[in-house]
Amino acid sequence: MKDYEEKSADYDLAEELKGIWQAIVKSGIPEEVRRDAFCELLKVNLSGNQVLAPHRFYSATENSTVEAEESANGSDEDILARIERETGVTRDVIDKVFYLDDGVVRFTKHVTKYGATTAEQARTIAQIIAVVYSLGMNKQAVPLDTIREACELMHCYDVKNFVSNQMTKIDGFILKGEGKNRRLEARLTGIRTFPALMEKVITNG
């Protein structure tokens, strides 16, 4: 009986691994990053956390043909519904932290709720916007100018240190490009922290 149970368990695991790999292949992720995507998605499965679609791990190079990149953004309500569905963060919590104004992310709380320092505030704002772009709008990355404008409105923009300090070394997010083409890209590890980040904003102070 024990041998049968062990074989059954091995079979289930093999099928699960096969399913993950097939999903990655079908997603359109380039071959050179499929192995990394498989490892990351396997970690998510084993941790018991919500499993995101494979293309969320690889939020794409300029030549990527991921199907989601071709879809329309939809209305503000559509975007927020996608974020709620993909992250598990309820609409009630989302509305307490930010809202959308014709596709533009606006923040509802006083800037101090987003962090203790201007750098922390700017990073929190950047992370939220990047996740909205990735999950809600199906865009590869958010232009740094978009984040800069949001930080200026929230009075946490540091003109001298915005790129060199505020936007660097954000875990789970990658700063790409040069000059006016700079953009922030949310990776799977960054997207997975979104619920905790939202909860932190809600409970701050």
N, C-alpha and C. Protein backbone atom coordinates (compact mmCIF):
# COMPACT_ATOMS: atom_id res chain seq x y z
N MET A 1 0.83 -1.20 0.00
CA MET A 1 0.00 0.00 0.00
C MET A 1 0.87 1.25 0.00
N LYS A 2 1.91 1.22 0.78
CA LYS A 2 2.81 2.36 0.87
C LYS A 2 3.47 2.62 -0.48
N ASP A 3 3.92 1.54 -1.16
CA ASP A 3 4.56 1.69 -2.46
C ASP A 3 3.59 2.31 -3.46
N TYR A 4 2.33 1.90 -3.40
CA TYR A 4 1.31 2.44 -4.31
C TYR A 4 1.11 3.92 -4.09
N GLU A 5 1.05 4.32 -2.81
CA GLU A 5 0.84 5.74 -2.49
C GLU A 5 2.01 6.58 -2.96
N GLU A 6 3.23 6.05 -2.81
CA GLU A 6 4.40 6.80 -3.24
C GLU A 6 4.41 6.96 -4.76
N LYS A 7 4.02 5.88 -5.48
CA LYS A 7 3.98 5.97 -6.93
C LYS A 7 2.92 6.96 -7.38
N SER A 8 1.78 6.95 -6.67
CA SER A 8 0.70 7.88 -7.00
C SER A 8 1.14 9.31 -6.80
N ALA A 9 1.86 9.57 -5.68
CA ALA A 9 2.35 10.92 -5.40
C ALA A 9 3.34 11.36 -6.46
N ASP A 10 4.24 10.44 -6.88
CA ASP A 10 5.22 10.76 -7.90
C ASP A 10 4.53 11.08 -9.22
N TYR A 11 3.50 10.35 -9.53
CA TYR A 11 2.77 10.58 -10.78
C TYR A 11 2.11 11.95 -10.77
N ASP A 12 1.49 12.34 -9.67
CA ASP A 12 0.85 13.64 -9.57
C ASP A 12 1.86 14.76 -9.73
N LEU A 13 3.02 14.60 -9.09
CA LEU A 13 4.07 15.61 -9.19
C LEU A 13 4.56 15.74 -10.62
N ALA A 14 4.75 14.60 -11.27
CA ALA A 14 5.22 14.62 -12.66
C ALA A 14 4.22 15.34 -13.56
N GLU A 15 2.94 15.09 -13.33
CA GLU A 15 1.91 15.74 -14.14
C GLU A 15 1.88 17.25 -13.89
N GLU A 16 2.08 17.63 -12.63
CA GLU A 16 2.09 19.06 -12.29
C GLU A 16 3.27 19.76 -12.94
N LEU A 17 4.44 19.15 -12.89
CA LEU A 17 5.63 19.73 -13.51
C LEU A 17 5.44 19.84 -15.02
N LYS A 18 4.85 18.81 -15.59
CA LYS A 18 4.59 18.81 -17.03
C LYS A 18 3.64 19.95 -17.40
N GLY A 19 2.61 20.13 -16.57
CA GLY A 19 1.64 21.19 -16.83
C GLY A 19 2.25 22.57 -16.77
N ILE A 20 3.14 22.80 -15.78
CA ILE A 20 3.81 24.09 -15.65
C ILE A 20 4.65 24.38 -16.89
N TRP A 21 5.40 23.36 -17.33
CA TRP A 21 6.27 23.55 -18.50
C TRP A 21 5.46 23.82 -19.76
N GLN A 22 4.37 23.08 -19.94
CA GLN A 22 3.53 23.29 -21.12
C GLN A 22 2.92 24.70 -21.13
N ALA A 23 2.54 25.18 -19.95
CA ALA A 23 1.97 26.53 -19.86
C ALA A 23 3.01 27.58 -20.24
N ILE A 24 4.25 27.35 -19.83
CA ILE A 24 5.33 28.28 -20.16
C ILE A 24 5.58 28.32 -21.67
N VAL A 25 5.62 27.15 -22.28
CA VAL A 25 5.86 27.06 -23.72
C VAL A 25 4.74 27.75 -24.49
N LYS A 26 3.50 27.51 -24.09
CA LYS A 26 2.34 28.09 -24.78
C LYS A 26 2.24 29.60 -24.58
N SER A 27 2.86 30.11 -23.51
CA SER A 27 2.72 31.55 -23.20
C SER A 27 3.48 32.44 -24.16
N GLY A 28 4.44 31.88 -24.90
CA GLY A 28 5.21 32.69 -25.84
C GLY A 28 6.50 33.23 -25.26
N ILE A 29 6.86 32.81 -24.06
CA ILE A 29 8.12 33.25 -23.44
C ILE A 29 9.30 32.76 -24.27
N PRO A 30 10.27 33.60 -24.56
CA PRO A 30 11.45 33.19 -25.33
C PRO A 30 12.18 32.01 -24.67
N GLU A 31 12.76 31.15 -25.49
CA GLU A 31 13.39 29.92 -25.00
C GLU A 31 14.49 30.19 -23.98
N GLU A 32 15.21 31.30 -24.15
CA GLU A 32 16.36 31.55 -23.27
C GLU A 32 15.97 31.84 -21.82
N VAL A 33 14.70 32.16 -21.57
CA VAL A 33 14.30 32.44 -20.18
C VAL A 33 13.28 31.43 -19.66
N ARG A 34 12.98 30.40 -20.45
CA ARG A 34 11.98 29.43 -20.02
C ARG A 34 12.42 28.67 -18.77
N ARG A 35 13.69 28.34 -18.70
CA ARG A 35 14.19 27.60 -17.53
C ARG A 35 14.02 28.41 -16.26
N ASP A 36 14.35 29.71 -16.32
CA ASP A 36 14.20 30.58 -15.15
C ASP A 36 12.73 30.74 -14.78
N ALA A 37 11.88 30.87 -15.80
CA ALA A 37 10.46 31.00 -15.54
C ALA A 37 9.90 29.75 -14.87
N PHE A 38 10.37 28.59 -15.33
CA PHE A 38 9.92 27.32 -14.74
C PHE A 38 10.29 27.25 -13.26
N CYS A 39 11.53 27.63 -12.94
CA CYS A 39 12.00 27.58 -11.55
C CYS A 39 11.19 28.53 -10.67
N GLU A 40 10.91 29.73 -11.17
CA GLU A 40 10.16 30.71 -10.38
C GLU A 40 8.72 30.26 -10.14
N LEU A 41 8.07 29.76 -11.20
CA LEU A 41 6.69 29.31 -11.06
C LEU A 41 6.59 28.08 -10.18
N LEU A 42 7.61 27.23 -10.21
CA LEU A 42 7.63 26.06 -9.34
C LEU A 42 7.72 26.49 -7.87
N LYS A 43 8.54 27.51 -7.60
CA LYS A 43 8.65 28.03 -6.24
C LYS A 43 7.32 28.56 -5.74
N VAL A 44 6.59 29.26 -6.62
CA VAL A 44 5.29 29.80 -6.25
C VAL A 44 4.33 28.67 -5.92
N ASN A 45 4.33 27.63 -6.76
CA ASN A 45 3.45 26.48 -6.52
C ASN A 45 3.74 25.80 -5.19
N LEU A 46 5.03 25.60 -4.93
CA LEU A 46 5.42 24.90 -3.71
C LEU A 46 5.15 25.72 -2.46
N SER A 47 5.18 27.06 -2.61
CA SER A 47 4.95 27.93 -1.46
C SER A 47 3.47 28.03 -1.11
N GLY A 48 2.63 27.59 -2.05
CA GLY A 48 1.18 27.67 -1.81
C GLY A 48 0.59 29.02 -2.12
N ASN A 49 1.40 29.94 -2.67
CA ASN A 49 0.89 31.27 -3.02
C ASN A 49 0.13 31.22 -4.34
N GLN A 50 -0.55 32.31 -4.65
CA GLN A 50 -1.29 32.39 -5.89
C GLN A 50 -0.36 32.20 -7.07
N VAL A 51 -0.79 31.38 -8.04
CA VAL A 51 0.01 31.11 -9.22
C VAL A 51 -0.33 32.11 -10.30
N LEU A 52 0.66 32.87 -10.72
CA LEU A 52 0.44 33.86 -11.77
C LEU A 52 0.71 33.23 -13.13
N ALA A 53 0.13 33.81 -14.16
CA ALA A 53 0.35 33.32 -15.50
C ALA A 53 1.83 33.42 -15.85
N PRO A 54 2.37 32.48 -16.66
CA PRO A 54 3.80 32.47 -16.97
C PRO A 54 4.34 33.78 -17.51
N HIS A 55 3.53 34.50 -18.34
CA HIS A 55 4.06 35.73 -18.92
C HIS A 55 4.25 36.81 -17.88
N ARG A 56 3.71 36.62 -16.66
CA ARG A 56 3.93 37.61 -15.61
C ARG A 56 5.37 37.51 -15.09
N PHE A 57 5.98 36.33 -15.22
CA PHE A 57 7.39 36.21 -14.82
C PHE A 57 8.27 36.98 -15.79
N TYR A 58 7.97 36.80 -17.06
CA TYR A 58 8.75 37.46 -18.09
C TYR A 58 7.93 38.59 -18.67
N SER A 59 8.06 39.79 -18.10
CA SER A 59 7.22 40.88 -18.56
C SER A 59 7.78 41.53 -19.81
N ALA A 60 8.68 40.78 -20.48
CA ALA A 60 8.95 40.94 -21.89
C ALA A 60 10.09 41.83 -22.32
N THR A 61 10.70 41.41 -23.42
CA THR A 61 11.67 42.25 -24.13
C THR A 61 10.89 43.00 -25.20
N GLU A 62 11.55 43.89 -25.90
CA GLU A 62 10.85 44.67 -26.92
C GLU A 62 10.27 43.78 -28.02
N ASN A 63 10.88 42.61 -28.26
CA ASN A 63 10.44 41.75 -29.35
C ASN A 63 9.51 40.64 -28.90
N SER A 64 9.13 40.65 -27.64
CA SER A 64 8.26 39.59 -27.14
C SER A 64 6.89 39.66 -27.80
N THR A 65 6.31 38.50 -28.03
CA THR A 65 4.98 38.45 -28.66
C THR A 65 3.97 37.84 -27.71
N VAL A 66 4.14 38.07 -26.43
CA VAL A 66 3.20 37.54 -25.45
C VAL A 66 1.80 38.04 -25.79
N GLU A 67 0.85 37.14 -25.78
CA GLU A 67 -0.52 37.46 -26.18
C GLU A 67 -1.10 38.62 -25.39
N ALA A 68 -0.82 38.64 -24.07
CA ALA A 68 -1.42 39.67 -23.23
C ALA A 68 -0.97 41.07 -23.62
N GLU A 69 0.23 41.18 -24.21
CA GLU A 69 0.73 42.49 -24.58
C GLU A 69 -0.11 43.10 -25.70
N GLU A 70 -0.84 42.24 -26.43
CA GLU A 70 -1.59 42.72 -27.57
C GLU A 70 -3.02 43.12 -27.19
N SER A 71 -3.42 42.82 -25.95
CA SER A 71 -4.79 43.10 -25.57
C SER A 71 -4.97 44.56 -25.18
N ALA A 72 -6.18 45.06 -25.32
CA ALA A 72 -6.48 46.45 -24.98
C ALA A 72 -6.55 46.63 -23.47
N ASN A 73 -6.27 47.84 -23.03
CA ASN A 73 -6.31 48.12 -21.60
C ASN A 73 -7.71 48.01 -21.03
N GLY A 74 -8.70 48.50 -21.76
CA GLY A 74 -10.05 48.53 -21.24
C GLY A 74 -10.24 49.77 -20.37
N SER A 75 -11.39 49.83 -19.70
CA SER A 75 -11.71 50.98 -18.86
C SER A 75 -10.96 50.92 -17.54
N ASP A 76 -11.06 51.99 -16.77
CA ASP A 76 -10.46 51.99 -15.43
C ASP A 76 -11.00 50.83 -14.60
N GLU A 77 -12.28 50.57 -14.72
CA GLU A 77 -12.91 49.48 -13.96
C GLU A 77 -12.35 48.13 -14.39
N ASP A 78 -12.11 47.96 -15.68
CA ASP A 78 -11.53 46.71 -16.18
C ASP A 78 -10.13 46.50 -15.62
N ILE A 79 -9.35 47.57 -15.60
CA ILE A 79 -7.98 47.50 -15.10
C ILE A 79 -7.97 47.12 -13.62
N LEU A 80 -8.79 47.77 -12.83
CA LEU A 80 -8.85 47.49 -11.40
C LEU A 80 -9.36 46.08 -11.13
N ALA A 81 -10.28 45.62 -11.95
CA ALA A 81 -10.80 44.26 -11.80
C ALA A 81 -9.72 43.23 -12.06
N ARG A 82 -8.85 43.49 -13.05
CA ARG A 82 -7.74 42.58 -13.33
C ARG A 82 -6.77 42.52 -12.16
N ILE A 83 -6.48 43.68 -11.59
CA ILE A 83 -5.54 43.72 -10.46
C ILE A 83 -6.11 42.94 -9.27
N GLU A 84 -7.38 43.14 -9.01
CA GLU A 84 -8.03 42.42 -7.91
C GLU A 84 -7.98 40.91 -8.16
N ARG A 85 -8.28 40.51 -9.38
CA ARG A 85 -8.32 39.09 -9.73
C ARG A 85 -6.93 38.46 -9.68
N GLU A 86 -5.93 39.16 -10.17
CA GLU A 86 -4.58 38.60 -10.28
C GLU A 86 -3.83 38.59 -8.95
N THR A 87 -4.10 39.57 -8.08
CA THR A 87 -3.34 39.69 -6.84
C THR A 87 -4.08 39.22 -5.61
N GLY A 88 -5.40 39.17 -5.69
CA GLY A 88 -6.19 38.80 -4.51
C GLY A 88 -6.45 39.97 -3.58
N VAL A 89 -5.94 41.16 -3.92
CA VAL A 89 -6.20 42.36 -3.11
C VAL A 89 -7.61 42.86 -3.43
N THR A 90 -8.44 43.00 -2.42
CA THR A 90 -9.84 43.38 -2.64
C THR A 90 -9.96 44.81 -3.14
N ARG A 91 -11.06 45.07 -3.80
CA ARG A 91 -11.29 46.42 -4.34
C ARG A 91 -11.38 47.44 -3.21
N ASP A 92 -11.90 47.04 -2.08
CA ASP A 92 -12.00 47.95 -0.94
C ASP A 92 -10.62 48.44 -0.51
N VAL A 93 -9.65 47.53 -0.47
CA VAL A 93 -8.28 47.90 -0.10
C VAL A 93 -7.65 48.77 -1.18
N ILE A 94 -7.85 48.38 -2.43
CA ILE A 94 -7.30 49.16 -3.54
C ILE A 94 -7.79 50.60 -3.49
N ASP A 95 -9.09 50.78 -3.28
CA ASP A 95 -9.68 52.12 -3.27
C ASP A 95 -9.14 52.99 -2.14
N LYS A 96 -8.65 52.35 -1.08
CA LYS A 96 -8.09 53.11 0.04
C LYS A 96 -6.67 53.58 -0.23
N VAL A 97 -6.02 52.98 -1.23
CA VAL A 97 -4.62 53.31 -1.51
C VAL A 97 -4.45 54.12 -2.79
N PHE A 98 -5.20 53.75 -3.83
CA PHE A 98 -5.09 54.48 -5.10
C PHE A 98 -6.36 54.29 -5.93
N TYR A 99 -6.49 55.11 -6.96
CA TYR A 99 -7.59 54.95 -7.90
C TYR A 99 -7.07 55.31 -9.29
N LEU A 100 -7.87 55.10 -10.31
CA LEU A 100 -7.48 55.43 -11.67
C LEU A 100 -8.32 56.57 -12.21
N ASP A 101 -7.66 57.49 -12.87
CA ASP A 101 -8.33 58.62 -13.50
C ASP A 101 -7.99 58.57 -14.99
N ASP A 102 -8.84 57.91 -15.77
CA ASP A 102 -8.61 57.73 -17.20
C ASP A 102 -7.25 57.08 -17.45
N GLY A 103 -6.96 56.01 -16.69
CA GLY A 103 -5.73 55.26 -16.88
C GLY A 103 -4.53 55.78 -16.12
N VAL A 104 -4.69 56.90 -15.43
CA VAL A 104 -3.59 57.48 -14.65
C VAL A 104 -3.78 57.09 -13.18
N VAL A 105 -2.72 56.57 -12.56
CA VAL A 105 -2.79 56.17 -11.16
C VAL A 105 -2.72 57.40 -10.27
N ARG A 106 -3.72 57.56 -9.41
CA ARG A 106 -3.75 58.64 -8.44
C ARG A 106 -3.79 58.04 -7.04
N PHE A 107 -3.15 58.70 -6.10
CA PHE A 107 -3.04 58.16 -4.75
C PHE A 107 -3.95 58.90 -3.78
N THR A 108 -4.55 58.13 -2.88
CA THR A 108 -5.61 58.68 -2.03
C THR A 108 -5.14 59.14 -0.65
N LYS A 109 -4.02 58.63 -0.17
CA LYS A 109 -3.58 58.93 1.19
C LYS A 109 -2.50 60.00 1.22
N HIS A 110 -2.27 60.53 2.40
CA HIS A 110 -1.17 61.49 2.58
C HIS A 110 0.14 60.77 2.30
N VAL A 111 1.09 61.49 1.75
CA VAL A 111 2.34 60.88 1.32
C VAL A 111 3.05 60.11 2.43
N THR A 112 2.91 60.53 3.68
CA THR A 112 3.60 59.86 4.78
C THR A 112 3.13 58.42 4.99
N LYS A 113 1.94 58.10 4.47
CA LYS A 113 1.44 56.73 4.59
C LYS A 113 2.18 55.76 3.67
N TYR A 114 2.88 56.31 2.69
CA TYR A 114 3.57 55.47 1.71
C TYR A 114 5.03 55.21 2.07
N GLY A 115 5.47 55.77 3.19
CA GLY A 115 6.84 55.52 3.63
C GLY A 115 7.32 56.58 4.60
N ALA A 116 8.37 56.25 5.33
CA ALA A 116 8.89 57.15 6.35
C ALA A 116 9.81 58.23 5.77
N THR A 117 10.41 57.95 4.62
CA THR A 117 11.31 58.91 3.98
C THR A 117 10.82 59.16 2.55
N THR A 118 11.34 60.23 1.94
CA THR A 118 10.93 60.52 0.56
C THR A 118 11.34 59.39 -0.39
N ALA A 119 12.48 58.78 -0.12
CA ALA A 119 12.94 57.67 -0.96
C ALA A 119 11.99 56.48 -0.85
N GLU A 120 11.59 56.15 0.36
CA GLU A 120 10.67 55.03 0.57
C GLU A 120 9.30 55.34 -0.05
N GLN A 121 8.86 56.58 0.10
CA GLN A 121 7.57 56.98 -0.48
C GLN A 121 7.60 56.84 -2.00
N ALA A 122 8.68 57.32 -2.61
CA ALA A 122 8.80 57.25 -4.06
C ALA A 122 8.85 55.80 -4.54
N ARG A 123 9.54 54.96 -3.81
CA ARG A 123 9.64 53.53 -4.21
C ARG A 123 8.29 52.84 -4.09
N THR A 124 7.55 53.16 -3.04
CA THR A 124 6.22 52.56 -2.88
C THR A 124 5.31 52.96 -4.03
N ILE A 125 5.32 54.23 -4.35
CA ILE A 125 4.51 54.74 -5.46
C ILE A 125 4.93 54.08 -6.78
N ALA A 126 6.24 53.96 -6.97
CA ALA A 126 6.76 53.33 -8.20
C ALA A 126 6.32 51.87 -8.30
N GLN A 127 6.37 51.14 -7.20
CA GLN A 127 5.99 49.73 -7.21
C GLN A 127 4.50 49.56 -7.56
N ILE A 128 3.68 50.38 -6.95
CA ILE A 128 2.23 50.29 -7.20
C ILE A 128 1.94 50.57 -8.67
N ILE A 129 2.52 51.64 -9.21
CA ILE A 129 2.27 52.00 -10.61
C ILE A 129 2.77 50.89 -11.54
N ALA A 130 3.94 50.35 -11.25
CA ALA A 130 4.51 49.30 -12.11
C ALA A 130 3.63 48.05 -12.12
N VAL A 131 3.07 47.69 -10.97
CA VAL A 131 2.18 46.52 -10.91
C VAL A 131 0.88 46.80 -11.66
N VAL A 132 0.37 48.02 -11.53
CA VAL A 132 -0.84 48.39 -12.27
C VAL A 132 -0.60 48.27 -13.78
N TYR A 133 0.55 48.74 -14.24
CA TYR A 133 0.88 48.64 -15.65
C TYR A 133 1.01 47.19 -16.10
N SER A 134 1.67 46.38 -15.28
CA SER A 134 1.91 44.99 -15.64
C SER A 134 0.65 44.14 -15.61
N LEU A 135 -0.05 44.15 -14.49
CA LEU A 135 -1.22 43.29 -14.33
C LEU A 135 -2.50 43.90 -14.89
N GLY A 136 -2.69 45.19 -14.67
CA GLY A 136 -3.94 45.82 -15.07
C GLY A 136 -3.98 46.26 -16.51
N MET A 137 -2.83 46.74 -17.02
CA MET A 137 -2.80 47.28 -18.38
C MET A 137 -2.07 46.37 -19.37
N ASN A 138 -1.47 45.28 -18.85
CA ASN A 138 -0.73 44.35 -19.70
C ASN A 138 0.39 45.04 -20.49
N LYS A 139 1.09 45.95 -19.81
CA LYS A 139 2.20 46.66 -20.44
C LYS A 139 3.51 46.16 -19.85
N GLN A 140 4.53 46.18 -20.67
CA GLN A 140 5.82 45.62 -20.28
C GLN A 140 6.43 46.34 -19.09
N ALA A 141 6.35 47.66 -19.11
CA ALA A 141 7.00 48.46 -18.06
C ALA A 141 6.37 49.85 -18.06
N VAL A 142 6.62 50.57 -16.98
CA VAL A 142 6.07 51.92 -16.86
C VAL A 142 7.19 52.94 -17.12
N PRO A 143 6.94 53.93 -17.96
CA PRO A 143 7.95 54.96 -18.20
C PRO A 143 8.29 55.67 -16.89
N LEU A 144 9.56 55.96 -16.71
CA LEU A 144 9.98 56.61 -15.47
C LEU A 144 9.37 58.00 -15.34
N ASP A 145 9.09 58.64 -16.47
CA ASP A 145 8.45 59.95 -16.44
C ASP A 145 7.07 59.88 -15.79
N THR A 146 6.37 58.77 -15.99
CA THR A 146 5.05 58.60 -15.37
C THR A 146 5.18 58.53 -13.86
N ILE A 147 6.19 57.81 -13.39
CA ILE A 147 6.44 57.70 -11.95
C ILE A 147 6.89 59.05 -11.39
N ARG A 148 7.72 59.73 -12.14
CA ARG A 148 8.21 61.05 -11.71
C ARG A 148 7.04 62.02 -11.50
N GLU A 149 6.11 62.04 -12.43
CA GLU A 149 4.97 62.93 -12.32
C GLU A 149 4.13 62.62 -11.09
N ALA A 150 3.96 61.32 -10.81
CA ALA A 150 3.19 60.92 -9.63
C ALA A 150 3.90 61.34 -8.35
N CYS A 151 5.22 61.19 -8.33
CA CYS A 151 5.99 61.57 -7.15
C CYS A 151 5.98 63.08 -6.94
N GLU A 152 6.00 63.83 -8.03
CA GLU A 152 5.92 65.28 -7.92
C GLU A 152 4.59 65.71 -7.30
N LEU A 153 3.51 65.08 -7.73
CA LEU A 153 2.18 65.40 -7.19
C LEU A 153 2.08 65.04 -5.70
N MET A 154 2.82 63.99 -5.31
CA MET A 154 2.79 63.53 -3.92
C MET A 154 3.88 64.19 -3.07
N HIS A 155 4.65 65.07 -3.69
CA HIS A 155 5.71 65.83 -2.98
C HIS A 155 6.78 64.92 -2.38
N CYS A 156 7.15 63.87 -3.13
CA CYS A 156 8.26 63.01 -2.66
C CYS A 156 9.29 62.83 -3.77
N TYR A 157 9.30 63.73 -4.72
CA TYR A 157 10.25 63.68 -5.82
C TYR A 157 11.54 64.39 -5.44
N ASP A 158 12.65 63.66 -5.53
CA ASP A 158 13.97 64.21 -5.24
C ASP A 158 14.68 64.41 -6.57
N VAL A 159 14.71 65.63 -7.04
CA VAL A 159 15.23 65.91 -8.38
C VAL A 159 16.67 65.44 -8.56
N LYS A 160 17.49 65.52 -7.51
CA LYS A 160 18.90 65.16 -7.62
C LYS A 160 19.14 63.65 -7.49
N ASN A 161 18.26 62.97 -6.78
CA ASN A 161 18.51 61.56 -6.49
C ASN A 161 17.41 60.61 -6.97
N PHE A 162 16.54 61.11 -7.83
CA PHE A 162 15.39 60.30 -8.25
C PHE A 162 15.83 58.99 -8.91
N VAL A 163 16.71 59.07 -9.88
CA VAL A 163 17.16 57.86 -10.57
C VAL A 163 18.25 57.14 -9.78
N SER A 164 19.23 57.88 -9.30
CA SER A 164 20.39 57.27 -8.66
C SER A 164 20.09 56.65 -7.30
N ASN A 165 19.04 57.13 -6.61
CA ASN A 165 18.74 56.62 -5.27
C ASN A 165 17.31 56.10 -5.15
N GLN A 166 16.34 56.93 -5.48
CA GLN A 166 14.94 56.55 -5.25
C GLN A 166 14.48 55.38 -6.10
N MET A 167 14.95 55.28 -7.35
CA MET A 167 14.45 54.26 -8.26
C MET A 167 15.37 53.05 -8.42
N THR A 168 16.45 53.00 -7.65
CA THR A 168 17.37 51.87 -7.77
C THR A 168 17.20 50.89 -6.61
N LYS A 169 17.57 49.67 -6.87
CA LYS A 169 17.57 48.61 -5.86
C LYS A 169 16.19 48.40 -5.21
N ILE A 170 15.16 48.41 -6.04
CA ILE A 170 13.82 48.06 -5.56
C ILE A 170 13.65 46.57 -5.80
N ASP A 171 13.56 45.80 -4.75
CA ASP A 171 13.49 44.35 -4.88
C ASP A 171 12.30 43.93 -5.75
N GLY A 172 12.58 43.09 -6.74
CA GLY A 172 11.52 42.59 -7.60
C GLY A 172 11.16 43.50 -8.76
N PHE A 173 11.92 44.59 -8.92
CA PHE A 173 11.66 45.53 -10.00
C PHE A 173 12.99 45.88 -10.67
N ILE A 174 12.95 46.07 -11.98
CA ILE A 174 14.17 46.33 -12.74
C ILE A 174 14.06 47.65 -13.48
N LEU A 175 15.07 48.48 -13.32
CA LEU A 175 15.16 49.75 -14.04
C LEU A 175 15.88 49.50 -15.35
N LYS A 176 15.23 49.86 -16.46
CA LYS A 176 15.79 49.56 -17.78
C LYS A 176 15.85 50.82 -18.63
N GLY A 177 16.68 50.77 -19.67
CA GLY A 177 16.76 51.87 -20.61
C GLY A 177 17.67 53.00 -20.16
N GLU A 178 17.77 53.99 -21.01
CA GLU A 178 18.62 55.15 -20.75
C GLU A 178 17.87 56.44 -21.07
N GLY A 179 18.25 57.51 -20.36
CA GLY A 179 17.67 58.81 -20.64
C GLY A 179 16.16 58.85 -20.55
N LYS A 180 15.51 59.40 -21.56
CA LYS A 180 14.06 59.52 -21.57
C LYS A 180 13.36 58.18 -21.78
N ASN A 181 14.13 57.17 -22.15
CA ASN A 181 13.56 55.84 -22.37
C ASN A 181 13.62 54.95 -21.13
N ARG A 182 14.04 55.52 -20.01
CA ARG A 182 14.09 54.73 -18.78
C ARG A 182 12.68 54.30 -18.38
N ARG A 183 12.58 53.08 -17.87
CA ARG A 183 11.30 52.53 -17.45
C ARG A 183 11.52 51.53 -16.34
N LEU A 184 10.49 51.31 -15.56
CA LEU A 184 10.56 50.37 -14.45
C LEU A 184 9.68 49.16 -14.77
N GLU A 185 10.26 48.00 -14.62
CA GLU A 185 9.58 46.75 -14.96
C GLU A 185 9.35 45.91 -13.71
N ALA A 186 8.13 45.46 -13.52
CA ALA A 186 7.79 44.59 -12.39
C ALA A 186 8.05 43.14 -12.76
N ARG A 187 8.82 42.45 -11.93
CA ARG A 187 9.05 41.02 -12.13
C ARG A 187 8.10 40.24 -11.23
N LEU A 188 8.11 38.92 -11.37
CA LEU A 188 7.21 38.08 -10.60
C LEU A 188 7.39 38.28 -9.10
N THR A 189 8.65 38.36 -8.66
CA THR A 189 8.91 38.52 -7.22
C THR A 189 8.37 39.84 -6.70
N GLY A 190 8.41 40.88 -7.53
CA GLY A 190 7.87 42.17 -7.13
C GLY A 190 6.35 42.16 -7.09
N ILE A 191 5.75 41.51 -8.07
CA ILE A 191 4.29 41.41 -8.12
C ILE A 191 3.76 40.65 -6.90
N ARG A 192 4.49 39.64 -6.47
CA ARG A 192 4.05 38.83 -5.33
C ARG A 192 4.05 39.63 -4.02
N THR A 193 4.80 40.71 -3.97
CA THR A 193 4.83 41.52 -2.74
C THR A 193 3.72 42.57 -2.70
N PHE A 194 2.97 42.68 -3.79
CA PHE A 194 1.94 43.72 -3.90
C PHE A 194 0.92 43.68 -2.75
N PRO A 195 0.35 42.51 -2.40
CA PRO A 195 -0.62 42.49 -1.29
C PRO A 195 -0.03 43.02 0.01
N ALA A 196 1.21 42.61 0.33
CA ALA A 196 1.86 43.07 1.56
C ALA A 196 2.13 44.56 1.51
N LEU A 197 2.51 45.06 0.33
CA LEU A 197 2.78 46.49 0.17
C LEU A 197 1.51 47.30 0.41
N MET A 198 0.40 46.83 -0.14
CA MET A 198 -0.88 47.53 0.04
C MET A 198 -1.29 47.51 1.51
N GLU A 199 -1.11 46.39 2.16
CA GLU A 199 -1.45 46.28 3.58
C GLU A 199 -0.59 47.22 4.42
N LYS A 200 0.67 47.37 4.04
CA LYS A 200 1.58 48.26 4.76
C LYS A 200 1.11 49.70 4.65
N VAL A 201 0.68 50.11 3.48
CA VAL A 201 0.18 51.48 3.28
C VAL A 201 -1.06 51.71 4.13
N ILE A 202 -1.95 50.72 4.14
CA ILE A 202 -3.20 50.83 4.89
C ILE A 202 -2.95 50.99 6.39
N THR A 203 -1.97 50.25 6.90
CA THR A 203 -1.72 50.22 8.35
C THR A 203 -0.68 51.23 8.82
N ASN A 204 0.00 51.90 7.90
CA ASN A 204 1.03 52.87 8.28
C ASN A 204 0.43 54.02 9.09
N GLY A 205 1.10 54.32 10.19
CA GLY A 205 0.67 55.44 11.02
C GLY A 205 -0.65 55.25 11.69
